């Protein structure tokens, strides 16, 4: 079963080795890319790329936060509208009951 495979020691070791190998391969590729960019575009080019990455990451986080905030505000307004409709409906119902009682 899947659970048995997940908890087997060999599979865990294999997964760890694969993850470690992939990480080291990515680090080597990134270093190679850094060397290539610095060689072809100047010594400060890699730092510019890292700066741009940081800016893009910050912008994406800001956009995600703004979308979450918009959803929260929409949910609040929907809740307020539903509450107002419920209160108005209850008042109308009480008025109708009062009118029926007075005949």
N, C-alpha and C. Protein backbone atom coordinates (compact mmCIF):
# COMPACT_ATOMS: atom_id res chain seq x y z
N UNK A 1 0.83 -1.19 0.00
CA UNK A 1 0.00 0.00 0.00
C UNK A 1 0.88 1.25 0.00
N UNK A 2 0.25 2.37 -0.22
CA UNK A 2 0.97 3.64 -0.29
C UNK A 2 1.58 3.99 1.06
N UNK A 3 0.86 3.74 2.14
CA UNK A 3 1.39 4.04 3.47
C UNK A 3 2.64 3.23 3.77
N UNK A 4 2.63 1.97 3.38
CA UNK A 4 3.81 1.13 3.62
C UNK A 4 5.01 1.67 2.85
N UNK A 5 4.78 2.11 1.62
CA UNK A 5 5.87 2.66 0.82
C UNK A 5 6.41 3.95 1.44
N UNK A 6 5.49 4.77 1.98
CA UNK A 6 5.91 6.03 2.56
C UNK A 6 6.77 5.83 3.80
N UNK A 7 6.47 4.80 4.57
CA UNK A 7 7.16 4.62 5.84
C UNK A 7 8.29 3.60 5.78
N UNK A 8 8.61 3.07 4.64
CA UNK A 8 9.76 2.18 4.51
C UNK A 8 11.04 3.00 4.62
N UNK A 9 12.01 2.47 5.34
CA UNK A 9 13.27 3.17 5.51
C UNK A 9 14.01 3.39 4.21
N UNK A 10 14.03 2.39 3.35
CA UNK A 10 14.76 2.51 2.09
C UNK A 10 14.19 3.61 1.22
N UNK A 11 12.87 3.70 1.16
CA UNK A 11 12.24 4.73 0.34
C UNK A 11 12.55 6.13 0.88
N UNK A 12 12.59 6.25 2.19
CA UNK A 12 12.91 7.55 2.78
C UNK A 12 14.36 7.92 2.46
N UNK A 13 15.25 6.95 2.59
CA UNK A 13 16.65 7.22 2.26
C UNK A 13 16.80 7.59 0.79
N UNK A 14 16.11 6.85 -0.06
CA UNK A 14 16.17 7.12 -1.50
C UNK A 14 15.65 8.52 -1.80
N UNK A 15 14.54 8.88 -1.19
CA UNK A 15 13.97 10.22 -1.41
C UNK A 15 14.93 11.30 -0.93
N UNK A 16 15.55 11.08 0.22
CA UNK A 16 16.49 12.06 0.75
C UNK A 16 17.69 12.22 -0.17
N UNK A 17 18.20 11.11 -0.66
CA UNK A 17 19.36 11.15 -1.56
C UNK A 17 18.99 11.87 -2.86
N UNK A 18 17.81 11.56 -3.40
CA UNK A 18 17.36 12.22 -4.63
C UNK A 18 17.19 13.72 -4.42
N UNK A 19 16.59 14.10 -3.29
CA UNK A 19 16.40 15.53 -3.00
C UNK A 19 17.74 16.23 -2.85
N UNK A 20 18.68 15.59 -2.14
CA UNK A 20 20.00 16.17 -1.94
C UNK A 20 20.73 16.33 -3.27
N UNK A 21 20.67 15.30 -4.09
CA UNK A 21 21.32 15.34 -5.40
C UNK A 21 20.73 16.44 -6.27
N UNK A 22 19.41 16.54 -6.28
CA UNK A 22 18.75 17.58 -7.08
C UNK A 22 19.14 18.97 -6.58
N UNK A 23 19.22 19.13 -5.26
CA UNK A 23 19.60 20.42 -4.69
C UNK A 23 21.01 20.80 -5.12
N UNK A 24 21.93 19.85 -5.02
CA UNK A 24 23.32 20.13 -5.40
C UNK A 24 23.45 20.43 -6.89
N UNK A 25 22.65 19.72 -7.70
CA UNK A 25 22.68 19.96 -9.15
C UNK A 25 22.17 21.37 -9.46
N UNK A 26 21.10 21.79 -8.78
CA UNK A 26 20.58 23.14 -8.97
C UNK A 26 21.59 24.20 -8.53
N UNK A 27 22.25 23.95 -7.41
CA UNK A 27 23.28 24.89 -6.95
C UNK A 27 24.39 25.03 -7.98
N UNK A 28 24.82 23.91 -8.55
CA UNK A 28 25.88 23.94 -9.56
C UNK A 28 25.42 24.69 -10.81
N UNK A 29 24.17 24.44 -11.23
CA UNK A 29 23.63 25.13 -12.40
C UNK A 29 23.53 26.63 -12.15
N UNK A 30 23.11 26.99 -10.95
CA UNK A 30 22.99 28.41 -10.62
C UNK A 30 24.37 29.08 -10.62
N UNK A 31 25.36 28.39 -10.09
CA UNK A 31 26.73 28.93 -10.09
C UNK A 31 27.25 29.08 -11.52
N UNK A 32 26.95 28.10 -12.35
CA UNK A 32 27.35 28.16 -13.76
C UNK A 32 26.68 29.34 -14.46
N UNK A 33 25.40 29.53 -14.19
CA UNK A 33 24.66 30.64 -14.77
C UNK A 33 25.23 31.97 -14.29
N UNK A 34 25.55 32.05 -13.00
CA UNK A 34 26.15 33.26 -12.44
C UNK A 34 27.46 33.59 -13.15
N UNK A 35 28.30 32.60 -13.31
CA UNK A 35 29.58 32.81 -13.99
C UNK A 35 29.37 33.26 -15.43
N UNK A 36 28.44 32.63 -16.13
CA UNK A 36 28.15 32.98 -17.52
C UNK A 36 27.69 34.43 -17.62
N UNK A 37 26.74 34.81 -16.77
CA UNK A 37 26.18 36.16 -16.83
C UNK A 37 27.25 37.20 -16.48
N UNK A 38 28.00 36.94 -15.42
CA UNK A 38 29.04 37.89 -15.04
C UNK A 38 30.11 38.01 -16.12
N UNK A 39 30.45 36.92 -16.77
CA UNK A 39 31.46 36.94 -17.83
C UNK A 39 30.98 37.73 -19.04
N UNK A 40 29.73 37.51 -19.44
CA UNK A 40 29.22 38.13 -20.67
C UNK A 40 28.67 39.54 -20.46
N UNK A 41 28.17 39.85 -19.28
CA UNK A 41 27.49 41.13 -19.09
C UNK A 41 28.13 42.01 -18.02
N UNK A 42 29.22 41.58 -17.45
CA UNK A 42 29.91 42.40 -16.46
C UNK A 42 29.78 41.84 -15.05
N UNK A 43 30.71 42.27 -14.20
CA UNK A 43 30.82 41.70 -12.86
C UNK A 43 29.61 41.97 -11.97
N UNK A 44 28.92 43.05 -12.20
CA UNK A 44 27.79 43.41 -11.33
C UNK A 44 26.45 42.87 -11.85
N UNK A 45 26.45 42.22 -12.98
CA UNK A 45 25.20 41.77 -13.61
C UNK A 45 24.43 40.80 -12.72
N UNK A 46 25.13 39.88 -12.09
CA UNK A 46 24.44 38.88 -11.25
C UNK A 46 23.76 39.56 -10.06
N UNK A 47 24.44 40.55 -9.49
CA UNK A 47 23.84 41.29 -8.37
C UNK A 47 22.58 42.04 -8.81
N UNK A 48 22.61 42.56 -10.04
CA UNK A 48 21.42 43.22 -10.58
C UNK A 48 20.27 42.23 -10.71
N UNK A 49 20.58 41.03 -11.18
CA UNK A 49 19.55 40.00 -11.31
C UNK A 49 18.97 39.65 -9.94
N UNK A 50 19.84 39.49 -8.95
CA UNK A 50 19.37 39.18 -7.60
C UNK A 50 18.49 40.30 -7.06
N UNK A 51 18.88 41.54 -7.34
CA UNK A 51 18.07 42.69 -6.92
C UNK A 51 16.70 42.67 -7.60
N UNK A 52 16.70 42.38 -8.91
CA UNK A 52 15.43 42.29 -9.64
C UNK A 52 14.57 41.16 -9.10
N UNK A 53 15.18 40.02 -8.78
CA UNK A 53 14.44 38.90 -8.19
C UNK A 53 13.75 39.35 -6.90
N UNK A 54 14.49 40.06 -6.07
CA UNK A 54 13.93 40.56 -4.81
C UNK A 54 12.76 41.49 -5.04
N UNK A 55 12.91 42.40 -6.00
CA UNK A 55 11.82 43.33 -6.31
C UNK A 55 10.59 42.59 -6.82
N UNK A 56 10.79 41.63 -7.71
CA UNK A 56 9.68 40.86 -8.26
C UNK A 56 8.99 40.08 -7.15
N UNK A 57 9.78 39.47 -6.27
CA UNK A 57 9.22 38.70 -5.16
C UNK A 57 8.38 39.60 -4.25
N UNK A 58 8.90 40.80 -3.94
CA UNK A 58 8.16 41.75 -3.09
C UNK A 58 6.87 42.17 -3.77
N UNK A 59 6.94 42.44 -5.08
CA UNK A 59 5.75 42.86 -5.82
C UNK A 59 4.69 41.77 -5.81
N UNK A 60 5.12 40.52 -6.01
CA UNK A 60 4.17 39.41 -6.00
C UNK A 60 3.53 39.25 -4.63
N UNK A 61 4.33 39.38 -3.57
CA UNK A 61 3.79 39.28 -2.22
C UNK A 61 2.78 40.39 -1.97
N UNK A 62 3.09 41.59 -2.45
CA UNK A 62 2.17 42.72 -2.30
C UNK A 62 0.86 42.44 -3.03
N UNK A 63 0.94 41.91 -4.25
CA UNK A 63 -0.26 41.60 -5.02
C UNK A 63 -1.09 40.52 -4.34
N UNK A 64 -0.42 39.49 -3.81
CA UNK A 64 -1.13 38.43 -3.10
C UNK A 64 -1.85 39.01 -1.89
N UNK A 65 -1.16 39.86 -1.13
CA UNK A 65 -1.76 40.48 0.05
C UNK A 65 -2.96 41.33 -0.34
N UNK A 66 -2.82 42.11 -1.42
CA UNK A 66 -3.92 42.97 -1.86
C UNK A 66 -5.13 42.14 -2.28
N UNK A 67 -4.90 41.01 -2.97
CA UNK A 67 -6.03 40.14 -3.36
C UNK A 67 -6.71 39.55 -2.13
N UNK A 68 -5.92 39.11 -1.16
CA UNK A 68 -6.49 38.56 0.06
C UNK A 68 -7.29 39.62 0.81
N UNK A 69 -6.75 40.82 0.85
CA UNK A 69 -7.43 41.92 1.53
C UNK A 69 -8.74 42.26 0.82
N UNK A 70 -8.74 42.26 -0.51
CA UNK A 70 -9.96 42.52 -1.27
C UNK A 70 -11.01 41.45 -0.98
N UNK A 71 -10.60 40.17 -0.97
CA UNK A 71 -11.54 39.09 -0.66
C UNK A 71 -12.12 39.26 0.73
N UNK A 72 -11.26 39.64 1.69
CA UNK A 72 -11.74 39.84 3.06
C UNK A 72 -12.76 40.96 3.12
N UNK A 73 -12.48 42.07 2.43
CA UNK A 73 -13.41 43.20 2.43
C UNK A 73 -14.73 42.83 1.76
N UNK A 74 -14.66 42.08 0.66
CA UNK A 74 -15.89 41.65 -0.02
C UNK A 74 -16.70 40.76 0.91
N UNK A 75 -16.04 39.83 1.60
CA UNK A 75 -16.75 38.94 2.53
C UNK A 75 -17.38 39.75 3.66
N UNK A 76 -16.68 40.77 4.16
CA UNK A 76 -17.24 41.63 5.20
C UNK A 76 -18.49 42.34 4.71
N UNK A 77 -18.41 42.91 3.51
CA UNK A 77 -19.56 43.63 2.97
C UNK A 77 -20.75 42.71 2.73
N UNK A 78 -20.47 41.51 2.24
CA UNK A 78 -21.56 40.54 2.06
C UNK A 78 -22.20 40.23 3.40
N UNK A 79 -21.38 40.04 4.42
CA UNK A 79 -21.90 39.78 5.76
C UNK A 79 -22.73 40.94 6.29
N UNK A 80 -22.25 42.16 6.07
CA UNK A 80 -22.99 43.34 6.52
C UNK A 80 -24.33 43.44 5.80
N UNK A 81 -24.33 43.23 4.49
CA UNK A 81 -25.58 43.29 3.72
C UNK A 81 -26.55 42.22 4.19
N UNK A 82 -26.06 40.99 4.39
CA UNK A 82 -26.94 39.92 4.87
C UNK A 82 -27.50 40.24 6.25
N UNK A 83 -26.67 40.79 7.13
CA UNK A 83 -27.14 41.15 8.46
C UNK A 83 -28.20 42.24 8.38
N UNK A 84 -27.97 43.25 7.54
CA UNK A 84 -28.95 44.32 7.37
C UNK A 84 -30.27 43.78 6.82
N UNK A 85 -30.18 42.90 5.82
CA UNK A 85 -31.39 42.31 5.25
C UNK A 85 -32.14 41.50 6.31
N UNK A 86 -31.41 40.78 7.13
CA UNK A 86 -32.04 39.98 8.18
C UNK A 86 -32.73 40.89 9.19
N UNK A 87 -32.07 41.96 9.59
CA UNK A 87 -32.67 42.89 10.56
C UNK A 87 -33.90 43.56 9.96
N UNK A 88 -33.80 44.02 8.73
CA UNK A 88 -34.96 44.65 8.07
C UNK A 88 -36.10 43.65 7.93
N UNK A 89 -35.76 42.43 7.54
CA UNK A 89 -36.79 41.39 7.42
C UNK A 89 -37.46 41.12 8.76
N UNK A 90 -36.69 41.09 9.83
CA UNK A 90 -37.25 40.86 11.16
C UNK A 90 -38.16 42.01 11.57
N UNK A 91 -37.75 43.25 11.28
CA UNK A 91 -38.58 44.41 11.60
C UNK A 91 -39.88 44.37 10.80
N UNK A 92 -39.79 44.04 9.52
CA UNK A 92 -41.00 43.92 8.69
C UNK A 92 -41.90 42.82 9.23
N UNK A 93 -41.32 41.70 9.63
CA UNK A 93 -42.10 40.60 10.20
C UNK A 93 -42.78 41.03 11.49
N UNK A 94 -42.09 41.76 12.36
CA UNK A 94 -42.70 42.25 13.60
C UNK A 94 -43.83 43.22 13.29
N UNK A 95 -43.62 44.10 12.31
CA UNK A 95 -44.68 45.04 11.92
C UNK A 95 -45.89 44.29 11.39
N UNK A 96 -45.65 43.27 10.61
CA UNK A 96 -46.76 42.47 10.07
C UNK A 96 -47.51 41.77 11.20
N UNK A 97 -46.78 41.20 12.16
CA UNK A 97 -47.42 40.55 13.32
C UNK A 97 -48.24 41.55 14.11
N UNK A 98 -47.69 42.75 14.32
CA UNK A 98 -48.40 43.77 15.08
C UNK A 98 -49.67 44.19 14.35
N UNK A 99 -49.57 44.32 13.02
CA UNK A 99 -50.73 44.70 12.22
C UNK A 99 -51.80 43.61 12.27
N UNK A 100 -51.40 42.35 12.19
CA UNK A 100 -52.34 41.23 12.25
C UNK A 100 -53.02 41.16 13.61
N UNK A 101 -52.28 41.45 14.65
CA UNK A 101 -52.83 41.39 16.00
C UNK A 101 -53.86 42.49 16.22
N UNK A 102 -53.61 43.67 15.66
CA UNK A 102 -54.53 44.81 15.82
C UNK A 102 -55.74 44.66 14.92
N UNK A 103 -55.57 43.83 13.91
CA UNK A 103 -56.68 43.49 13.05
C UNK A 103 -57.11 44.50 12.12
